[in-house]
Amino acid sequence: MAKNKTVYLCQNCGADFPKWMGKCPACGQWGTLHEEVIREAASTPAAKVGHADSRPQLLSQVDGSRQMRIQTGCSELDRVLGGGIVPGSVTLLGGEPGVGKSTLVLQTILRMPDKKVLYVSGEESLQQIKLRADRIEGENPQAWFVSETLLEKILEHVDQVQPDLLVVDSIQTLYTETAESSPGSVTQVRECAATLLRVAKTRDLPVILIGHINKEGSIAGPKVLEHIVDTVLLFEGDSHYVYRILRSIKNRFGSIAEIGMYEMRREGLREVSNPSELLLSRQHLGLSGVAIAAAIEGIRPFMIETQALVSTAAYGVAQRSTTGFEVRRLNMLLAVLEKRAGFKIAQKDVFLNIAGGIKVSDPAIDLAVLTAILSSNLDIAVDKDTCLAGEVGLAGEIRPVSRIEQRIMEAQKLGFKRIVIPDFSGSGLDLKRFKIEIASVKKVEEAFRLLFG
């Protein structure tokens, strides 16, 4: 006989408590505990899934030959995943509404004609999926589609189709009969994700879950959802720009430093193999407030424009606004510029923009950010054939950055005549083999004298 139990679940962290409290003791958030009715069933289809042979084994006895990665045919996605999809893994793909999550996954499975795929959609009808598929190049005769939200029915479809890859769009729309709460609640998301994890591990079936994000930009639902899955991918991009960035924030089978770049078109997402050529407009024609940074995301170097505008504060209180750059780091760099270089900009508005609508976290763009701000403040343009790479410390020193040789080679390949980098003397780095002019600086004052005279 099934028993019902009432608990209070935190919608933020997923912790459960026997009684209601105003503040969650686990995560400290106020007003996040909501009543949930959980039905404990002794025998359900979902509960029976995943009882495989679990005898202890030595690592030398474990067969690792079956862990060959599945190539998706999309080099950008394979790079972010660490070389492809691992059999038995669960991947969670999140992003803002309309950014292209479903398009990316649908486009990927249509270009895997040698794999049998089951695509479960809980948000769209088959007719809507058909309309999107008609715009996308590619055809997979072994791709099966179903519109379903009940987990037990989905497991029956898995038994019937026996797919090589399972896609669920989205995890927030699923529900199981073992829980009485509504779809999207903490209980439903947790139970459905845990059941799909057992299916993936026991059958060596890779699963891709598409998830929503909240207004803070993190994956919606309990934090336990990100702990359950093996890989968490975020698909980022502004609806006003055509570029999309795919980055990993958790990957048990590879690095989280890699990114993939796409260009949104009518016929789908196009892979961008050379971001520098798209992110560099070279149209500023000697205008002030623009500096080129040699950045690296993962193993990929690219050049990007940092644009700044400095003006007198119109309302008495200086504004600090950034797009694609952390505002707290901007405030730190402005303090360094005023304290160490002697430029008074405390009563001026500073607006900073990373061209292309992408977010860059590489600290090596600090020097380019300060250069763009000072260029706008002095109204003196930076030489368009000069690029910069360097992290700025609190003492005003230019700190060395990683993979400087890759940055120099990328600048040389794109036709830049000079690159300003931190001082690498004593590191054994041979800079004479590069054809581009290399200027080494130790402090921000040296860089400013070099650039502005």
Foldseek 3Di string as FASTA:
>chain_A
DKDKAKWWAFFEAGDIHNDDDQADPPPGDGPRTDIFIFIDDPDDPLVPFQPDDDDDDDPVPDDPPQQDFDDQVDPQVCVQQARHHGQLFEEEEEEAPPLQPVLVVLLSVLACQVWQEEEEEQPDDPVVVVVLVVLAPGHHPRYHYDYDAELVVVVVVCVVSVTQEYEYHALQRHAYPRTDDHRNGQVGSVSSLQSVSSNRNRSSRYYYHYFYPDPVQHTGGHPVSVVSGQWYWYWDFDPVFQKIKIFTPGHPNHDRQGIWMWGQDRSGTHGDPAVQVVQDPLPCVFWALWAWAFADGRNDTHIWIKGKAKAADPPQAAAQEEFQEDRVVVVLLVVLCCPVVPDDRRRIHMYMYTGRRHHGDGQQCSLRNNRSHVRNVVRGGFPPLEHETFHADSNQWTDAGPPVVNSLVNSVVVRRQEYEGADPPPVPDDPVVHRHHYHHDTGSNVVCVVGPD
